[in-house]
Amino acid sequence: MIDINMQNNNIISLIKNMGMSHKALMQEGLITDTNLSHLYESEETLELEIAPGIELVFWEETLCLEMITFSFARALNKADPVFMGILPYPLDKIRNKRDARLLLGAPMFTKSQMDLFPTELYGWDVYQLDSSLHPEAILDIQYNEDMLVSNILISLVDKNI
């Protein structure tokens, strides 16, 4: 596990190294030698919670890092671990849907509460991640009923390869 106040540089390094294998990430010192496991029903991915509210998702066949999920206290299930670190700019400034639109502009794709029914999400915006962080990644921002950010997901555009 990484310190709860995971440093901004570590997060940036993980984002920039998406697509690398679990073994390569360990060799680079970005994660510790920890076994991956199925945290969800999907048998195509393996997950690793590296700190409260930070989850890494690996494609099972290749063991390559495909997604990083940051979960916040604003999520509906407040019993889940929450991310307490600092995200890279401008993600560190986004608290709600309005902030996201001001800082990132119009999303490439968006879903409303009606589109997401019957999930516990009330909104979902998808953006191209700034290429300085990763040239082939997208940014998903999920919102709760008050349009506060509940999860931020950063994932590769081309997964499962």
N, C-alpha and C. Protein backbone atom coordinates (compact mmCIF):
# COMPACT_ATOMS: atom_id res chain seq x y z
N MET A 1 0.85 -1.19 0.00
CA MET A 1 0.00 0.00 0.00
C MET A 1 0.89 1.25 0.00
N ILE A 2 0.43 2.26 -0.68
CA ILE A 2 1.13 3.54 -0.73
C ILE A 2 0.54 4.44 0.35
N ASP A 3 1.33 5.34 0.88
CA ASP A 3 0.89 6.28 1.92
C ASP A 3 -0.43 6.93 1.53
N ILE A 4 -1.31 7.12 2.53
CA ILE A 4 -2.64 7.70 2.30
C ILE A 4 -2.56 9.06 1.61
N ASN A 5 -1.54 9.83 1.91
CA ASN A 5 -1.36 11.14 1.28
C ASN A 5 -0.41 11.00 0.09
N MET A 6 -0.76 10.07 -0.77
CA MET A 6 0.07 9.75 -1.93
C MET A 6 0.51 11.03 -2.64
N GLN A 7 1.78 11.12 -2.90
CA GLN A 7 2.35 12.31 -3.51
C GLN A 7 1.87 12.49 -4.94
N ASN A 8 1.68 13.74 -5.32
CA ASN A 8 1.24 14.11 -6.66
C ASN A 8 2.15 13.49 -7.72
N ASN A 9 3.46 13.49 -7.49
CA ASN A 9 4.41 12.94 -8.47
C ASN A 9 4.18 11.45 -8.69
N ASN A 10 3.84 10.70 -7.63
CA ASN A 10 3.56 9.27 -7.77
C ASN A 10 2.33 9.05 -8.64
N ILE A 11 1.32 9.86 -8.43
CA ILE A 11 0.09 9.73 -9.22
C ILE A 11 0.39 10.05 -10.68
N ILE A 12 1.12 11.12 -10.92
CA ILE A 12 1.48 11.49 -12.29
C ILE A 12 2.28 10.36 -12.95
N SER A 13 3.22 9.77 -12.21
CA SER A 13 4.02 8.67 -12.76
C SER A 13 3.15 7.47 -13.10
N LEU A 14 2.19 7.14 -12.24
CA LEU A 14 1.29 6.03 -12.55
C LEU A 14 0.48 6.31 -13.82
N ILE A 15 -0.03 7.53 -13.94
CA ILE A 15 -0.81 7.89 -15.13
C ILE A 15 0.06 7.79 -16.38
N LYS A 16 1.25 8.35 -16.32
CA LYS A 16 2.15 8.35 -17.49
C LYS A 16 2.58 6.94 -17.88
N ASN A 17 2.56 6.02 -16.91
CA ASN A 17 3.00 4.65 -17.18
C ASN A 17 1.85 3.67 -17.38
N MET A 18 0.65 4.19 -17.62
CA MET A 18 -0.45 3.30 -17.95
C MET A 18 -0.11 2.55 -19.23
N GLY A 19 -0.46 1.27 -19.26
CA GLY A 19 -0.10 0.41 -20.38
C GLY A 19 1.08 -0.48 -20.04
N MET A 20 1.82 -0.14 -18.99
CA MET A 20 2.94 -0.98 -18.56
C MET A 20 2.42 -2.17 -17.77
N SER A 21 3.22 -3.20 -17.69
CA SER A 21 2.83 -4.41 -16.97
C SER A 21 2.99 -4.22 -15.46
N HIS A 22 2.30 -5.06 -14.73
CA HIS A 22 2.39 -5.07 -13.27
C HIS A 22 3.85 -5.22 -12.84
N LYS A 23 4.56 -6.14 -13.48
CA LYS A 23 5.97 -6.38 -13.16
C LYS A 23 6.82 -5.13 -13.41
N ALA A 24 6.61 -4.48 -14.55
CA ALA A 24 7.38 -3.27 -14.89
C ALA A 24 7.10 -2.14 -13.89
N LEU A 25 5.84 -2.00 -13.47
CA LEU A 25 5.50 -0.97 -12.48
C LEU A 25 6.20 -1.24 -11.15
N MET A 26 6.32 -2.53 -10.78
CA MET A 26 7.05 -2.87 -9.56
C MET A 26 8.53 -2.56 -9.72
N GLN A 27 9.10 -2.91 -10.87
CA GLN A 27 10.52 -2.65 -11.12
C GLN A 27 10.84 -1.16 -11.10
N GLU A 28 9.88 -0.34 -11.55
CA GLU A 28 10.06 1.11 -11.54
C GLU A 28 9.84 1.71 -10.14
N GLY A 29 9.38 0.89 -9.21
CA GLY A 29 9.12 1.36 -7.85
C GLY A 29 7.82 2.12 -7.70
N LEU A 30 6.92 1.99 -8.69
CA LEU A 30 5.65 2.71 -8.63
C LEU A 30 4.62 1.99 -7.77
N ILE A 31 4.75 0.67 -7.67
CA ILE A 31 3.89 -0.12 -6.78
C ILE A 31 4.76 -1.15 -6.09
N THR A 32 4.27 -1.65 -4.96
CA THR A 32 5.00 -2.69 -4.24
C THR A 32 4.64 -4.05 -4.80
N ASP A 33 5.39 -5.06 -4.42
CA ASP A 33 5.15 -6.43 -4.88
C ASP A 33 3.91 -6.97 -4.18
N THR A 34 2.78 -6.70 -4.78
CA THR A 34 1.49 -7.08 -4.21
C THR A 34 0.72 -7.89 -5.24
N ASN A 35 0.06 -8.94 -4.78
CA ASN A 35 -0.73 -9.77 -5.68
C ASN A 35 -1.98 -9.04 -6.14
N LEU A 36 -2.32 -9.25 -7.39
CA LEU A 36 -3.56 -8.71 -7.96
C LEU A 36 -4.69 -9.68 -7.65
N SER A 37 -5.91 -9.17 -7.57
CA SER A 37 -7.05 -10.04 -7.29
C SER A 37 -8.29 -9.54 -8.01
N HIS A 38 -9.29 -10.41 -8.09
CA HIS A 38 -10.59 -10.04 -8.67
C HIS A 38 -11.41 -9.37 -7.57
N LEU A 39 -11.55 -8.06 -7.62
CA LEU A 39 -12.36 -7.35 -6.63
C LEU A 39 -13.81 -7.26 -7.06
N TYR A 40 -14.07 -7.54 -8.33
CA TYR A 40 -15.42 -7.43 -8.88
C TYR A 40 -15.78 -8.71 -9.62
N GLU A 41 -16.94 -8.73 -10.21
CA GLU A 41 -17.41 -9.92 -10.92
C GLU A 41 -16.66 -10.17 -12.23
N SER A 42 -16.04 -9.16 -12.78
CA SER A 42 -15.34 -9.30 -14.05
C SER A 42 -14.19 -10.29 -13.92
N GLU A 43 -14.13 -11.21 -14.86
CA GLU A 43 -13.02 -12.15 -14.89
C GLU A 43 -11.97 -11.73 -15.91
N GLU A 44 -12.17 -10.56 -16.51
CA GLU A 44 -11.22 -10.06 -17.50
C GLU A 44 -10.20 -9.11 -16.91
N THR A 45 -10.46 -8.63 -15.70
CA THR A 45 -9.54 -7.68 -15.08
C THR A 45 -9.16 -8.15 -13.68
N LEU A 46 -8.00 -7.67 -13.25
CA LEU A 46 -7.52 -7.87 -11.89
C LEU A 46 -7.30 -6.49 -11.30
N GLU A 47 -7.56 -6.34 -10.02
CA GLU A 47 -7.49 -5.03 -9.39
C GLU A 47 -6.50 -5.04 -8.23
N LEU A 48 -6.07 -3.83 -7.89
CA LEU A 48 -5.17 -3.63 -6.77
C LEU A 48 -5.50 -2.29 -6.13
N GLU A 49 -5.88 -2.31 -4.86
CA GLU A 49 -6.10 -1.06 -4.14
C GLU A 49 -4.77 -0.68 -3.51
N ILE A 50 -4.17 0.40 -4.01
CA ILE A 50 -2.83 0.77 -3.55
C ILE A 50 -2.86 1.76 -2.39
N ALA A 51 -4.00 2.38 -2.17
CA ALA A 51 -4.21 3.31 -1.05
C ALA A 51 -5.72 3.49 -0.95
N PRO A 52 -6.20 3.98 0.19
CA PRO A 52 -7.65 4.21 0.28
C PRO A 52 -8.13 5.11 -0.85
N GLY A 53 -9.11 4.61 -1.60
CA GLY A 53 -9.70 5.39 -2.68
C GLY A 53 -8.94 5.38 -3.99
N ILE A 54 -7.84 4.61 -4.08
CA ILE A 54 -7.08 4.52 -5.34
C ILE A 54 -6.99 3.06 -5.74
N GLU A 55 -7.54 2.77 -6.90
CA GLU A 55 -7.55 1.40 -7.39
C GLU A 55 -6.93 1.34 -8.77
N LEU A 56 -6.06 0.36 -8.97
CA LEU A 56 -5.47 0.12 -10.28
C LEU A 56 -6.15 -1.09 -10.89
N VAL A 57 -6.47 -1.01 -12.18
CA VAL A 57 -7.16 -2.10 -12.87
C VAL A 57 -6.24 -2.60 -13.99
N PHE A 58 -5.97 -3.91 -13.97
CA PHE A 58 -5.08 -4.55 -14.94
C PHE A 58 -5.87 -5.53 -15.80
N TRP A 59 -5.54 -5.60 -17.10
CA TRP A 59 -6.13 -6.59 -17.98
C TRP A 59 -5.52 -7.93 -17.60
N GLU A 60 -6.35 -8.93 -17.34
CA GLU A 60 -5.86 -10.21 -16.80
C GLU A 60 -4.89 -10.92 -17.73
N GLU A 61 -5.14 -10.90 -19.03
CA GLU A 61 -4.28 -11.62 -19.98
C GLU A 61 -2.86 -11.08 -20.03
N THR A 62 -2.72 -9.76 -20.03
CA THR A 62 -1.41 -9.14 -20.20
C THR A 62 -0.83 -8.59 -18.90
N LEU A 63 -1.67 -8.44 -17.89
CA LEU A 63 -1.32 -7.81 -16.61
C LEU A 63 -0.83 -6.37 -16.81
N CYS A 64 -1.35 -5.71 -17.85
CA CYS A 64 -1.01 -4.30 -18.10
C CYS A 64 -2.02 -3.38 -17.43
N LEU A 65 -1.52 -2.27 -16.88
CA LEU A 65 -2.36 -1.28 -16.22
C LEU A 65 -3.22 -0.57 -17.25
N GLU A 66 -4.55 -0.68 -17.09
CA GLU A 66 -5.48 -0.08 -18.04
C GLU A 66 -6.30 1.06 -17.46
N MET A 67 -6.45 1.09 -16.14
CA MET A 67 -7.30 2.13 -15.56
C MET A 67 -6.87 2.42 -14.13
N ILE A 68 -7.02 3.69 -13.75
CA ILE A 68 -6.81 4.13 -12.37
C ILE A 68 -8.11 4.80 -11.93
N THR A 69 -8.62 4.38 -10.79
CA THR A 69 -9.86 4.94 -10.26
C THR A 69 -9.57 5.67 -8.95
N PHE A 70 -10.08 6.88 -8.84
CA PHE A 70 -10.00 7.67 -7.61
C PHE A 70 -11.42 7.85 -7.09
N SER A 71 -11.67 7.42 -5.86
CA SER A 71 -13.01 7.53 -5.26
C SER A 71 -12.96 8.56 -4.14
N PHE A 72 -14.00 9.39 -4.09
CA PHE A 72 -14.03 10.50 -3.15
C PHE A 72 -15.14 10.33 -2.12
N ALA A 73 -15.05 11.05 -1.01
CA ALA A 73 -16.05 10.99 0.06
C ALA A 73 -17.42 11.41 -0.43
N ARG A 74 -17.45 12.10 -1.55
CA ARG A 74 -18.72 12.56 -2.09
C ARG A 74 -19.48 11.42 -2.76
N ALA A 75 -18.88 10.23 -2.79
CA ALA A 75 -19.57 9.07 -3.37
C ALA A 75 -20.75 8.70 -2.49
N LEU A 76 -21.72 8.03 -3.09
CA LEU A 76 -22.94 7.70 -2.36
C LEU A 76 -22.68 6.75 -1.20
N ASN A 77 -21.81 5.76 -1.38
CA ASN A 77 -21.52 4.83 -0.30
C ASN A 77 -20.34 5.37 0.49
N LYS A 78 -20.62 6.12 1.51
CA LYS A 78 -19.57 6.81 2.26
C LYS A 78 -18.73 5.87 3.11
N ALA A 79 -19.09 4.59 3.18
CA ALA A 79 -18.31 3.61 3.93
C ALA A 79 -17.08 3.16 3.15
N ASP A 80 -17.07 3.37 1.85
CA ASP A 80 -15.93 2.96 1.04
C ASP A 80 -14.72 3.84 1.35
N PRO A 81 -13.50 3.29 1.15
CA PRO A 81 -12.30 4.11 1.34
C PRO A 81 -12.31 5.29 0.36
N VAL A 82 -11.76 6.41 0.78
CA VAL A 82 -11.76 7.60 -0.07
C VAL A 82 -10.34 8.07 -0.34
N PHE A 83 -10.16 8.69 -1.49
CA PHE A 83 -8.88 9.24 -1.90
C PHE A 83 -8.60 10.52 -1.14
N MET A 84 -7.41 10.62 -0.54
CA MET A 84 -7.06 11.79 0.26
C MET A 84 -5.84 12.53 -0.30
N GLY A 85 -5.32 12.08 -1.43
CA GLY A 85 -4.13 12.70 -2.00
C GLY A 85 -4.46 13.90 -2.87
N ILE A 86 -3.47 14.32 -3.64
CA ILE A 86 -3.63 15.48 -4.52
C ILE A 86 -3.48 15.01 -5.96
N LEU A 87 -4.47 15.32 -6.77
CA LEU A 87 -4.42 14.99 -8.19
C LEU A 87 -3.67 16.07 -8.95
N PRO A 88 -3.15 15.74 -10.14
CA PRO A 88 -2.48 16.76 -10.94
C PRO A 88 -3.48 17.81 -11.44
N TYR A 89 -2.98 19.03 -11.67
CA TYR A 89 -3.81 20.12 -12.19
C TYR A 89 -4.29 19.75 -13.59
N PRO A 90 -5.50 20.04 -13.96
CA PRO A 90 -6.55 20.76 -13.24
C PRO A 90 -7.48 19.85 -12.44
N LEU A 91 -7.18 18.53 -12.42
CA LEU A 91 -8.07 17.60 -11.72
C LEU A 91 -8.20 17.93 -10.24
N ASP A 92 -7.15 18.51 -9.67
CA ASP A 92 -7.19 18.87 -8.25
C ASP A 92 -8.18 19.99 -7.94
N LYS A 93 -8.62 20.69 -8.95
CA LYS A 93 -9.55 21.82 -8.77
C LYS A 93 -11.01 21.44 -9.03
N ILE A 94 -11.25 20.23 -9.51
CA ILE A 94 -12.60 19.82 -9.89
C ILE A 94 -13.32 19.18 -8.71
N ARG A 95 -14.36 19.82 -8.24
CA ARG A 95 -15.17 19.31 -7.13
C ARG A 95 -16.57 18.92 -7.57
N ASN A 96 -17.02 19.52 -8.70
CA ASN A 96 -18.39 19.27 -9.16
C ASN A 96 -18.45 19.40 -10.68
N LYS A 97 -19.64 19.18 -11.22
CA LYS A 97 -19.82 19.21 -12.68
C LYS A 97 -19.51 20.59 -13.25
N ARG A 98 -19.89 21.63 -12.53
CA ARG A 98 -19.63 23.00 -12.99
C ARG A 98 -18.12 23.25 -13.11
N ASP A 99 -17.35 22.84 -12.08
CA ASP A 99 -15.89 22.98 -12.13
C ASP A 99 -15.32 22.24 -13.34
N ALA A 100 -15.81 21.02 -13.58
CA ALA A 100 -15.30 20.22 -14.70
C ALA A 100 -15.52 20.95 -16.02
N ARG A 101 -16.70 21.49 -16.20
CA ARG A 101 -17.01 22.18 -17.46
C ARG A 101 -16.20 23.46 -17.60
N LEU A 102 -16.00 24.19 -16.50
CA LEU A 102 -15.20 25.42 -16.54
C LEU A 102 -13.74 25.13 -16.87
N LEU A 103 -13.18 24.10 -16.26
CA LEU A 103 -11.76 23.81 -16.41
C LEU A 103 -11.44 22.95 -17.64
N LEU A 104 -12.36 22.09 -18.03
CA LEU A 104 -12.09 21.14 -19.11
C LEU A 104 -12.88 21.40 -20.38
N GLY A 105 -13.89 22.26 -20.29
CA GLY A 105 -14.73 22.53 -21.45
C GLY A 105 -15.84 21.50 -21.60
N ALA A 106 -16.39 21.45 -22.78
CA ALA A 106 -17.49 20.51 -23.05
C ALA A 106 -16.92 19.09 -23.15
N PRO A 107 -17.60 18.12 -22.54
CA PRO A 107 -17.12 16.74 -22.61
C PRO A 107 -17.31 16.16 -24.01
N MET A 108 -16.52 15.13 -24.33
CA MET A 108 -16.68 14.41 -25.59
C MET A 108 -17.99 13.62 -25.58
N PHE A 109 -18.36 13.20 -24.39
CA PHE A 109 -19.54 12.35 -24.22
C PHE A 109 -20.08 12.59 -22.82
N THR A 110 -21.38 12.57 -22.67
CA THR A 110 -21.98 12.78 -21.35
C THR A 110 -23.20 11.88 -21.19
N LYS A 111 -23.48 11.50 -19.95
CA LYS A 111 -24.68 10.72 -19.63
C LYS A 111 -25.39 11.39 -18.47
N SER A 112 -26.72 11.39 -18.55
CA SER A 112 -27.54 11.98 -17.49
C SER A 112 -28.03 10.88 -16.56
N GLN A 113 -28.75 11.31 -15.53
CA GLN A 113 -29.33 10.36 -14.58
C GLN A 113 -30.23 9.36 -15.31
N MET A 114 -30.99 9.84 -16.27
CA MET A 114 -31.88 8.96 -17.02
C MET A 114 -31.09 7.90 -17.80
N ASP A 115 -29.96 8.30 -18.38
CA ASP A 115 -29.12 7.36 -19.12
C ASP A 115 -28.51 6.31 -18.20
N LEU A 116 -28.26 6.70 -16.96
CA LEU A 116 -27.56 5.84 -16.01
C LEU A 116 -28.48 5.02 -15.11
N PHE A 117 -29.79 5.26 -15.21
CA PHE A 117 -30.74 4.51 -14.38
C PHE A 117 -30.60 3.03 -14.69
N PRO A 118 -30.56 2.14 -13.75
CA PRO A 118 -30.84 2.23 -12.32
C PRO A 118 -29.58 2.29 -11.44
N THR A 119 -28.45 2.79 -11.95
CA THR A 119 -27.25 2.87 -11.13
C THR A 119 -27.39 3.98 -10.09
N GLU A 120 -26.39 4.10 -9.23
CA GLU A 120 -26.39 5.15 -8.22
C GLU A 120 -25.69 6.42 -8.71
N LEU A 121 -25.37 6.46 -10.01
CA LEU A 121 -24.74 7.64 -10.58
C LEU A 121 -25.80 8.57 -11.14
N TYR A 122 -25.51 9.88 -11.07
CA TYR A 122 -26.46 10.88 -11.54
C TYR A 122 -25.92 11.67 -12.73
N GLY A 123 -24.68 11.44 -13.08
CA GLY A 123 -24.07 12.10 -14.22
C GLY A 123 -22.72 11.48 -14.51
N TRP A 124 -22.30 11.60 -15.78
CA TRP A 124 -21.03 10.99 -16.19
C TRP A 124 -20.54 11.77 -17.40
N ASP A 125 -19.36 12.35 -17.30
CA ASP A 125 -18.75 13.08 -18.40
C ASP A 125 -17.45 12.40 -18.81
N VAL A 126 -17.17 12.39 -20.10
CA VAL A 126 -15.95 11.79 -20.62
C VAL A 126 -15.17 12.85 -21.40
N TYR A 127 -13.88 12.96 -21.09
CA TYR A 127 -12.98 13.93 -21.72
C TYR A 127 -11.74 13.21 -22.22
N GLN A 128 -11.05 13.81 -23.17
CA GLN A 128 -9.71 13.35 -23.53
C GLN A 128 -8.78 13.85 -22.43
N LEU A 129 -7.96 12.97 -21.87
CA LEU A 129 -7.01 13.38 -20.84
C LEU A 129 -5.92 14.23 -21.50
N ASP A 130 -5.44 15.23 -20.79
CA ASP A 130 -4.36 16.08 -21.29
C ASP A 130 -3.21 15.18 -21.75
N SER A 131 -2.73 15.39 -22.96
CA SER A 131 -1.70 14.52 -23.53
C SER A 131 -0.37 14.60 -22.78
N SER A 132 -0.15 15.65 -21.99
CA SER A 132 1.07 15.72 -21.20
C SER A 132 1.06 14.67 -20.08
N LEU A 133 -0.14 14.23 -19.68
CA LEU A 133 -0.24 13.18 -18.67
C LEU A 133 -0.20 11.80 -19.31
N HIS A 134 -0.90 11.63 -20.43
CA HIS A 134 -0.85 10.39 -21.21
C HIS A 134 -1.50 10.67 -22.56
N PRO A 135 -0.80 10.38 -23.65
CA PRO A 135 -1.34 10.72 -24.97
C PRO A 135 -2.49 9.84 -25.43
N GLU A 136 -2.71 8.71 -24.77
CA GLU A 136 -3.74 7.78 -25.23
C GLU A 136 -4.69 7.38 -24.11
N ALA A 137 -5.09 8.36 -23.30
CA ALA A 137 -5.98 8.05 -22.17
C ALA A 137 -7.18 8.99 -22.16
N ILE A 138 -8.26 8.49 -21.59
CA ILE A 138 -9.46 9.30 -21.42
C ILE A 138 -9.74 9.48 -19.94
N LEU A 139 -10.51 10.50 -19.65
CA LEU A 139 -10.85 10.89 -18.29
C LEU A 139 -12.36 10.78 -18.14
N ASP A 140 -12.81 9.96 -17.21
CA ASP A 140 -14.23 9.84 -16.91
C ASP A 140 -14.47 10.49 -15.55
N ILE A 141 -15.47 11.33 -15.47
CA ILE A 141 -15.85 11.95 -14.19
C ILE A 141 -17.28 11.54 -13.90
N GLN A 142 -17.48 10.91 -12.75
CA GLN A 142 -18.81 10.46 -12.34
C GLN A 142 -19.30 11.36 -11.21
N TYR A 143 -20.61 11.65 -11.23
CA TYR A 143 -21.19 12.60 -10.27
C TYR A 143 -22.28 11.93 -9.43
N ASN A 144 -22.43 12.44 -8.21
CA ASN A 144 -23.52 11.98 -7.34
C ASN A 144 -24.76 12.83 -7.58
N GLU A 145 -25.77 12.66 -6.74
CA GLU A 145 -27.04 13.36 -6.95
C GLU A 145 -26.93 14.87 -6.82
N ASP A 146 -25.91 15.37 -6.12
CA ASP A 146 -25.69 16.81 -5.99
C ASP A 146 -24.73 17.34 -7.05
N MET A 147 -24.39 16.50 -8.02
CA MET A 147 -23.45 16.81 -9.10
C MET A 147 -22.04 17.11 -8.57
N LEU A 148 -21.72 16.53 -7.40
CA LEU A 148 -20.36 16.56 -6.88
C LEU A 148 -19.62 15.35 -7.45
N VAL A 149 -18.32 15.48 -7.66
CA VAL A 149 -17.53 14.38 -8.21
C VAL A 149 -17.50 13.24 -7.19
N SER A 150 -17.88 12.05 -7.64
CA SER A 150 -17.80 10.88 -6.76
C SER A 150 -16.63 9.98 -7.16
N ASN A 151 -16.33 9.91 -8.46
CA ASN A 151 -15.21 9.10 -8.94
C ASN A 151 -14.58 9.77 -10.15
N ILE A 152 -13.27 9.62 -10.24
CA ILE A 152 -12.53 10.01 -11.43
C ILE A 152 -11.81 8.76 -11.91
N LEU A 153 -12.02 8.43 -13.18
CA LEU A 153 -11.39 7.26 -13.78
C LEU A 153 -10.51 7.73 -14.93
N ILE A 154 -9.29 7.23 -14.96
CA ILE A 154 -8.39 7.51 -16.07
C ILE A 154 -8.09 6.16 -16.71
N SER A 155 -8.39 6.03 -18.00
CA SER A 155 -8.21 4.73 -18.64
C SER A 155 -7.62 4.88 -20.04
N LEU A 156 -7.00 3.81 -20.50
CA LEU A 156 -6.45 3.80 -21.84
C LEU A 156 -7.58 3.80 -22.87
N VAL A 157 -7.35 4.47 -23.98
CA VAL A 157 -8.33 4.47 -25.06
C VAL A 157 -8.41 3.07 -25.65
N ASP A 158 -7.26 2.48 -25.96
CA ASP A 158 -7.20 1.11 -26.51
C ASP A 158 -6.88 0.15 -25.38
N LYS A 159 -7.91 -0.54 -24.92
CA LYS A 159 -7.73 -1.49 -23.82
C LYS A 159 -7.60 -2.90 -24.37
N ASN A 160 -7.20 -3.78 -23.49
CA ASN A 160 -7.16 -5.22 -23.78
C ASN A 160 -6.20 -5.58 -24.90
N ILE A 161 -5.08 -4.87 -24.98
CA ILE A 161 -4.10 -5.23 -26.01
C ILE A 161 -2.75 -5.47 -25.39
